[in-house]
Amino acid sequence: MAYSVGQVSGFAGITVRTLHHYDKTGLLSPSARSPAGYRRYDDADLARLQQILFYRQLGFGLDEIAAVLRDPQADALDHLRARHRLLKEQITELQRLVEVAERAMEVQRTGVELTPEERFEVFGEVTFDLSYATEAHLKWQHSAGHQQSMARAAAHTKEDWARIMAEAGAWRHRLLAAFDAGEPADGERSMDLAEEHRAHLTRWFTPCPTDMHCRIADDFTADPRAYALVVPPSQQRPGLAAYLRAAVHANAVRQGPAPAPPGTLPPAAVPPETLPPFSPEPS
């Protein structure tokens, strides 16, 4: 049975122009012509077209398809294996780009209303990895504590953020001095620094009970991204994350249990990720 070019175009889902091109290049020439000279395709032609479309769907170029179909002895499996490897590489790269796009979209929802230039000016190193903050937003966006923290962050002006970063820088300078001097993590000096950090979070973002503060500190040793938001890589020391965590836990013991301020979630319901971390000073 023979089919016209229009019929083949219809049930194959390709244009007549494409079929004409396949004919012109020799990739798929119809087996017959009508008395009027019109192309007529038989079942063997349709089988070849099916192969062509299969390879096209896998991303093969027309020259590659012609090479595969030209040699009946060609090992199509080798071609398919090569294409399979390429497609997997492309999938990996596309997934990376999807993650970058998702991260970029979520960064716009973190509540920090600054231009890119102002972000760099104010936050310095922290602007180069916001994945920790964006993952927190995705995970805890329906939490009252997180919403309060983000609302206050969104209300901060550029001047507020500059002040926050200056406070963080001064605090970190004293922390590094205590650590380098060999002060014990459970000593008064270290515990005072931990309490200052907790007060900073409460002052600028949302109330931070001591047990919540401990969970935040636990993240410093569990997630390098969280620690980098407190101490940027250029100022980190071996053992400093564990030291700060120990100081926070020691301060919590010193402070004793305290009720959460009115209007906040119970401590167990407020994960460490609900708080913007103690960020580095401007570069």
Foldseek 3Di string as FASTA:
>chain_A
DKDFLVVCCVVVVHDSVVVVVCCVVVQQAAPDADPVGTGIHDPVSVVSVVQVVVVVVLPDDSVVSCVQVVDPPDDVVVVVVVSVVVVVVVVVVVVVVVVVVLQVVLVVVQQQPDDPVLCQQWFPPLVVDCPLLSVLCVVCVVAPQLVQQSPLNNPDDSVNSQVLQVVLAVLVVQLLVCVVVPPALLDPSNLVSLVVQQVSQCVRGNHAFLVQSLLLLVCLVVPVSSVCQSPNPVGDDVPSSVSNSSNSVSNNVVVDGDATDPPHDGSVRDHNSSTRHSGHGHD
